[in-house]
Amino acid sequence: MDPGKLYLALQVADLNRSLAFYRQLGFEPDPRQGGIEQKWLLLHCKDMTLALFQDMFPRDMLVFESDHVRELYRDLQAKGLSIDVAVNIEGHSGACHFALLDPDGHPLLFDQREKKSS
């Protein structure tokens, strides 16, 4: 089982202030993902990805981005893991996600975005 590409999602108090800080570290926002007006940004620096969210989630979390989230969901359920949230998992296409907690209470989000046509 491949859980997908891993990145950290940070909950921030001021998205503009955080963006300015992370730009000083070399991160730049992905213009195709999120935006200040949507209150979330996906930032990249070389092969690193960092997500910033303002007023969207209660805690920082690990995010696994995959094109196979529905399969991961079924596999983890079959292994007996307790899924806390599942959105559009029963659908056959489109964006979906599910979340669970690790044994120490750290949130993990498994996210599949809508595929954008080129």
N, C-alpha and C. Protein backbone atom coordinates (compact mmCIF):
# COMPACT_ATOMS: atom_id res chain seq x y z
N MET A 1 0.84 -1.18 0.00
CA MET A 1 0.00 0.00 0.00
C MET A 1 0.88 1.24 0.00
N ASP A 2 0.64 2.14 -0.93
CA ASP A 2 1.36 3.41 -1.03
C ASP A 2 0.40 4.51 -0.60
N PRO A 3 0.65 5.15 0.56
CA PRO A 3 -0.28 6.18 1.03
C PRO A 3 -0.21 7.48 0.24
N GLY A 4 0.77 7.66 -0.62
CA GLY A 4 0.85 8.87 -1.44
C GLY A 4 1.93 9.82 -0.98
N LYS A 5 1.91 10.99 -1.58
CA LYS A 5 2.88 12.04 -1.28
C LYS A 5 2.53 12.68 0.06
N LEU A 6 3.50 12.78 0.94
CA LEU A 6 3.29 13.32 2.29
C LEU A 6 3.70 14.78 2.38
N TYR A 7 2.85 15.58 3.02
CA TYR A 7 3.23 16.95 3.37
C TYR A 7 2.54 17.35 4.66
N LEU A 8 3.04 18.40 5.26
CA LEU A 8 2.50 18.91 6.52
C LEU A 8 1.53 20.04 6.23
N ALA A 9 0.40 20.03 6.92
CA ALA A 9 -0.58 21.11 6.82
C ALA A 9 -0.59 21.85 8.15
N LEU A 10 -0.25 23.13 8.10
CA LEU A 10 -0.20 23.95 9.29
C LEU A 10 -1.41 24.87 9.38
N GLN A 11 -1.96 24.97 10.57
CA GLN A 11 -3.06 25.90 10.83
C GLN A 11 -2.42 27.23 11.24
N VAL A 12 -2.74 28.30 10.56
CA VAL A 12 -2.10 29.59 10.82
C VAL A 12 -3.14 30.63 11.20
N ALA A 13 -2.70 31.63 11.96
CA ALA A 13 -3.60 32.69 12.40
C ALA A 13 -3.78 33.76 11.33
N ASP A 14 -2.73 34.00 10.53
CA ASP A 14 -2.77 35.05 9.52
C ASP A 14 -2.06 34.51 8.27
N LEU A 15 -2.83 34.17 7.26
CA LEU A 15 -2.29 33.54 6.06
C LEU A 15 -1.28 34.43 5.34
N ASN A 16 -1.56 35.71 5.23
CA ASN A 16 -0.64 36.63 4.56
C ASN A 16 0.69 36.71 5.31
N ARG A 17 0.63 36.81 6.62
CA ARG A 17 1.86 36.88 7.43
C ARG A 17 2.67 35.59 7.29
N SER A 18 1.98 34.45 7.33
CA SER A 18 2.67 33.17 7.20
C SER A 18 3.27 33.00 5.81
N LEU A 19 2.55 33.41 4.78
CA LEU A 19 3.08 33.34 3.42
C LEU A 19 4.35 34.17 3.30
N ALA A 20 4.34 35.37 3.84
CA ALA A 20 5.54 36.23 3.79
C ALA A 20 6.72 35.55 4.48
N PHE A 21 6.46 34.91 5.62
CA PHE A 21 7.53 34.22 6.35
C PHE A 21 8.09 33.06 5.53
N TYR A 22 7.21 32.18 5.02
CA TYR A 22 7.68 31.01 4.29
C TYR A 22 8.32 31.36 2.95
N ARG A 23 7.93 32.49 2.37
CA ARG A 23 8.62 32.97 1.15
C ARG A 23 10.08 33.29 1.47
N GLN A 24 10.33 33.82 2.66
CA GLN A 24 11.72 34.11 3.05
C GLN A 24 12.53 32.83 3.17
N LEU A 25 11.87 31.70 3.39
CA LEU A 25 12.55 30.40 3.46
C LEU A 25 12.65 29.73 2.09
N GLY A 26 12.13 30.39 1.06
CA GLY A 26 12.23 29.85 -0.30
C GLY A 26 10.99 29.19 -0.84
N PHE A 27 9.90 29.18 -0.08
CA PHE A 27 8.66 28.57 -0.55
C PHE A 27 7.87 29.55 -1.40
N GLU A 28 7.20 29.04 -2.43
CA GLU A 28 6.32 29.84 -3.27
C GLU A 28 4.98 29.14 -3.41
N PRO A 29 3.89 29.91 -3.45
CA PRO A 29 2.56 29.29 -3.58
C PRO A 29 2.34 28.70 -4.96
N ASP A 30 1.60 27.60 -4.99
CA ASP A 30 1.19 26.98 -6.24
C ASP A 30 -0.04 27.74 -6.71
N PRO A 31 0.03 28.45 -7.84
CA PRO A 31 -1.10 29.27 -8.29
C PRO A 31 -2.32 28.44 -8.69
N ARG A 32 -2.15 27.13 -8.87
CA ARG A 32 -3.27 26.26 -9.26
C ARG A 32 -4.01 25.69 -8.06
N GLN A 33 -3.49 25.91 -6.85
CA GLN A 33 -4.06 25.30 -5.65
C GLN A 33 -4.33 26.34 -4.58
N GLY A 34 -5.57 26.48 -4.18
CA GLY A 34 -5.93 27.38 -3.08
C GLY A 34 -5.77 28.84 -3.46
N GLY A 35 -5.64 29.68 -2.44
CA GLY A 35 -5.48 31.12 -2.63
C GLY A 35 -5.80 31.83 -1.33
N ILE A 36 -5.35 33.05 -1.22
CA ILE A 36 -5.60 33.85 -0.02
C ILE A 36 -7.11 33.95 0.24
N GLU A 37 -7.89 34.20 -0.80
CA GLU A 37 -9.34 34.35 -0.63
C GLU A 37 -10.02 33.04 -0.21
N GLN A 38 -9.40 31.91 -0.53
CA GLN A 38 -9.95 30.61 -0.13
C GLN A 38 -9.42 30.18 1.25
N LYS A 39 -8.52 30.95 1.80
CA LYS A 39 -7.94 30.73 3.13
C LYS A 39 -7.07 29.47 3.21
N TRP A 40 -6.48 29.08 2.07
CA TRP A 40 -5.48 28.01 2.11
C TRP A 40 -4.54 28.14 0.93
N LEU A 41 -3.30 27.72 1.17
CA LEU A 41 -2.26 27.77 0.15
C LEU A 41 -1.46 26.48 0.18
N LEU A 42 -1.02 26.07 -0.99
CA LEU A 42 -0.08 24.96 -1.09
C LEU A 42 1.24 25.59 -1.55
N LEU A 43 2.27 25.44 -0.74
CA LEU A 43 3.57 26.05 -1.02
C LEU A 43 4.58 24.98 -1.42
N HIS A 44 5.49 25.35 -2.31
CA HIS A 44 6.54 24.44 -2.75
C HIS A 44 7.90 25.11 -2.64
N CYS A 45 8.89 24.30 -2.30
CA CYS A 45 10.29 24.71 -2.32
C CYS A 45 11.08 23.47 -2.70
N LYS A 46 11.61 23.47 -3.91
CA LYS A 46 12.29 22.28 -4.46
C LYS A 46 11.34 21.09 -4.39
N ASP A 47 11.70 20.02 -3.70
CA ASP A 47 10.81 18.85 -3.64
C ASP A 47 9.97 18.82 -2.37
N MET A 48 9.91 19.94 -1.64
CA MET A 48 9.12 20.02 -0.41
C MET A 48 7.78 20.70 -0.68
N THR A 49 6.76 20.25 0.04
CA THR A 49 5.43 20.85 -0.04
C THR A 49 4.96 21.14 1.38
N LEU A 50 4.31 22.27 1.54
CA LEU A 50 3.76 22.69 2.82
C LEU A 50 2.42 23.34 2.54
N ALA A 51 1.41 22.97 3.32
CA ALA A 51 0.09 23.59 3.18
C ALA A 51 -0.14 24.52 4.36
N LEU A 52 -0.75 25.67 4.10
CA LEU A 52 -1.14 26.61 5.14
C LEU A 52 -2.64 26.78 5.07
N PHE A 53 -3.30 26.64 6.21
CA PHE A 53 -4.75 26.79 6.30
C PHE A 53 -5.09 27.80 7.39
N GLN A 54 -6.01 28.69 7.11
CA GLN A 54 -6.47 29.65 8.11
C GLN A 54 -7.94 29.38 8.41
N ASP A 55 -8.23 29.12 9.69
CA ASP A 55 -9.62 28.93 10.16
C ASP A 55 -10.34 27.77 9.48
N MET A 56 -9.63 26.69 9.15
CA MET A 56 -10.29 25.57 8.48
C MET A 56 -10.27 24.28 9.29
N PHE A 57 -9.20 24.03 10.01
CA PHE A 57 -9.06 22.79 10.76
C PHE A 57 -8.62 23.11 12.18
N PRO A 58 -8.90 22.24 13.14
CA PRO A 58 -8.54 22.55 14.53
C PRO A 58 -7.07 22.35 14.86
N ARG A 59 -6.34 21.54 14.06
CA ARG A 59 -4.95 21.23 14.40
C ARG A 59 -4.10 21.08 13.14
N ASP A 60 -2.78 21.14 13.35
CA ASP A 60 -1.87 20.77 12.28
C ASP A 60 -2.08 19.29 11.97
N MET A 61 -1.77 18.88 10.74
CA MET A 61 -1.95 17.47 10.40
C MET A 61 -0.99 17.05 9.31
N LEU A 62 -0.82 15.75 9.20
CA LEU A 62 -0.09 15.17 8.09
C LEU A 62 -1.09 14.87 6.99
N VAL A 63 -0.73 15.24 5.76
CA VAL A 63 -1.62 15.02 4.62
C VAL A 63 -0.92 14.08 3.64
N PHE A 64 -1.66 13.07 3.22
CA PHE A 64 -1.19 12.15 2.20
C PHE A 64 -2.01 12.41 0.96
N GLU A 65 -1.37 12.86 -0.11
CA GLU A 65 -2.06 13.15 -1.36
C GLU A 65 -1.87 11.96 -2.30
N SER A 66 -2.98 11.44 -2.81
CA SER A 66 -2.93 10.24 -3.64
C SER A 66 -4.06 10.27 -4.67
N ASP A 67 -3.85 9.57 -5.77
CA ASP A 67 -4.91 9.38 -6.75
C ASP A 67 -5.70 8.10 -6.47
N HIS A 68 -5.40 7.45 -5.33
CA HIS A 68 -6.02 6.17 -4.99
C HIS A 68 -6.63 6.18 -3.59
N VAL A 69 -7.21 7.30 -3.19
CA VAL A 69 -7.73 7.44 -1.83
C VAL A 69 -8.86 6.46 -1.55
N ARG A 70 -9.71 6.21 -2.51
CA ARG A 70 -10.81 5.27 -2.28
C ARG A 70 -10.28 3.87 -2.00
N GLU A 71 -9.25 3.45 -2.71
CA GLU A 71 -8.63 2.15 -2.46
C GLU A 71 -7.97 2.12 -1.08
N LEU A 72 -7.27 3.20 -0.73
CA LEU A 72 -6.64 3.29 0.58
C LEU A 72 -7.68 3.18 1.69
N TYR A 73 -8.80 3.87 1.50
CA TYR A 73 -9.89 3.84 2.47
C TYR A 73 -10.37 2.41 2.70
N ARG A 74 -10.66 1.71 1.62
CA ARG A 74 -11.15 0.33 1.74
C ARG A 74 -10.10 -0.57 2.39
N ASP A 75 -8.83 -0.38 2.04
CA ASP A 75 -7.75 -1.19 2.59
C ASP A 75 -7.60 -0.95 4.10
N LEU A 76 -7.62 0.31 4.51
CA LEU A 76 -7.46 0.62 5.94
C LEU A 76 -8.68 0.17 6.74
N GLN A 77 -9.87 0.29 6.17
CA GLN A 77 -11.06 -0.22 6.85
C GLN A 77 -10.97 -1.73 7.03
N ALA A 78 -10.52 -2.43 5.99
CA ALA A 78 -10.38 -3.89 6.07
C ALA A 78 -9.37 -4.30 7.13
N LYS A 79 -8.40 -3.43 7.40
CA LYS A 79 -7.41 -3.71 8.43
C LYS A 79 -7.91 -3.35 9.83
N GLY A 80 -9.14 -2.82 9.91
CA GLY A 80 -9.75 -2.52 11.19
C GLY A 80 -9.47 -1.15 11.75
N LEU A 81 -8.89 -0.27 10.94
CA LEU A 81 -8.64 1.09 11.43
C LEU A 81 -9.93 1.88 11.47
N SER A 82 -10.06 2.72 12.48
CA SER A 82 -11.24 3.54 12.66
C SER A 82 -11.08 4.84 11.87
N ILE A 83 -11.97 5.06 10.91
CA ILE A 83 -11.96 6.27 10.09
C ILE A 83 -12.88 7.29 10.76
N ASP A 84 -12.37 8.49 10.99
CA ASP A 84 -13.15 9.52 11.69
C ASP A 84 -14.06 10.32 10.76
N VAL A 85 -13.58 10.61 9.56
CA VAL A 85 -14.34 11.42 8.60
C VAL A 85 -14.09 10.85 7.22
N ALA A 86 -15.13 10.78 6.40
CA ALA A 86 -14.98 10.36 5.00
C ALA A 86 -15.91 11.21 4.15
N VAL A 87 -15.37 11.84 3.11
CA VAL A 87 -16.16 12.71 2.23
C VAL A 87 -16.03 12.22 0.79
N ASN A 88 -17.16 11.92 0.18
CA ASN A 88 -17.28 11.48 -1.21
C ASN A 88 -16.50 10.19 -1.49
N ILE A 89 -16.25 9.40 -0.47
CA ILE A 89 -15.54 8.14 -0.66
C ILE A 89 -16.38 7.15 -1.45
N GLU A 90 -17.69 7.18 -1.24
CA GLU A 90 -18.58 6.24 -1.94
C GLU A 90 -18.78 6.62 -3.40
N GLY A 91 -18.44 7.86 -3.77
CA GLY A 91 -18.53 8.26 -5.17
C GLY A 91 -17.51 7.50 -6.00
N HIS A 92 -17.69 7.52 -7.29
CA HIS A 92 -16.79 6.77 -8.16
C HIS A 92 -15.72 7.65 -8.79
N SER A 93 -15.86 8.96 -8.67
CA SER A 93 -14.87 9.85 -9.26
C SER A 93 -14.88 11.17 -8.51
N GLY A 94 -13.93 12.01 -8.85
CA GLY A 94 -13.86 13.33 -8.27
C GLY A 94 -13.09 13.37 -6.97
N ALA A 95 -13.03 14.55 -6.41
CA ALA A 95 -12.30 14.78 -5.17
C ALA A 95 -12.94 14.00 -4.02
N CYS A 96 -12.10 13.54 -3.10
CA CYS A 96 -12.57 12.85 -1.92
C CYS A 96 -11.48 12.89 -0.86
N HIS A 97 -11.85 12.61 0.37
CA HIS A 97 -10.85 12.51 1.42
C HIS A 97 -11.41 11.74 2.61
N PHE A 98 -10.49 11.27 3.44
CA PHE A 98 -10.87 10.69 4.71
C PHE A 98 -9.79 11.00 5.72
N ALA A 99 -10.16 10.93 6.99
CA ALA A 99 -9.22 11.27 8.06
C ALA A 99 -9.32 10.25 9.18
N LEU A 100 -8.20 10.07 9.85
CA LEU A 100 -8.14 9.22 11.03
C LEU A 100 -7.06 9.75 11.94
N LEU A 101 -7.01 9.23 13.15
CA LEU A 101 -6.00 9.63 14.13
C LEU A 101 -5.02 8.50 14.32
N ASP A 102 -3.73 8.85 14.48
CA ASP A 102 -2.75 7.81 14.80
C ASP A 102 -2.88 7.49 16.29
N PRO A 103 -2.14 6.50 16.82
CA PRO A 103 -2.31 6.10 18.22
C PRO A 103 -2.07 7.21 19.25
N ASP A 104 -1.34 8.26 18.85
CA ASP A 104 -1.08 9.38 19.76
C ASP A 104 -1.98 10.58 19.51
N GLY A 105 -2.98 10.40 18.66
CA GLY A 105 -3.95 11.47 18.42
C GLY A 105 -3.57 12.45 17.33
N HIS A 106 -2.52 12.16 16.55
CA HIS A 106 -2.14 13.05 15.45
C HIS A 106 -3.07 12.81 14.26
N PRO A 107 -3.68 13.87 13.73
CA PRO A 107 -4.59 13.68 12.60
C PRO A 107 -3.84 13.39 11.30
N LEU A 108 -4.37 12.44 10.53
CA LEU A 108 -3.87 12.11 9.20
C LEU A 108 -5.02 12.31 8.22
N LEU A 109 -4.76 13.06 7.17
CA LEU A 109 -5.76 13.30 6.14
C LEU A 109 -5.27 12.66 4.84
N PHE A 110 -6.11 11.86 4.22
CA PHE A 110 -5.81 11.24 2.93
C PHE A 110 -6.67 11.96 1.91
N ASP A 111 -6.03 12.65 0.97
CA ASP A 111 -6.73 13.59 0.09
C ASP A 111 -6.51 13.24 -1.37
N GLN A 112 -7.60 13.23 -2.11
CA GLN A 112 -7.55 13.08 -3.57
C GLN A 112 -8.26 14.28 -4.16
N ARG A 113 -7.53 15.08 -4.88
CA ARG A 113 -8.11 16.29 -5.49
C ARG A 113 -8.76 15.98 -6.82
N GLU A 114 -9.63 16.88 -7.22
CA GLU A 114 -10.24 16.80 -8.54
C GLU A 114 -9.13 16.96 -9.56
N LYS A 115 -9.09 16.08 -10.54
CA LYS A 115 -8.07 16.20 -11.58
C LYS A 115 -8.44 17.34 -12.49
N LYS A 116 -7.46 18.23 -12.71
CA LYS A 116 -7.68 19.38 -13.58
C LYS A 116 -7.26 19.00 -14.99
N SER A 117 -8.06 19.40 -15.97
CA SER A 117 -7.67 19.13 -17.35
C SER A 117 -6.61 20.12 -17.77
N SER A 118 -5.69 19.67 -18.58
CA SER A 118 -4.56 20.50 -19.00
C SER A 118 -4.92 21.41 -20.13
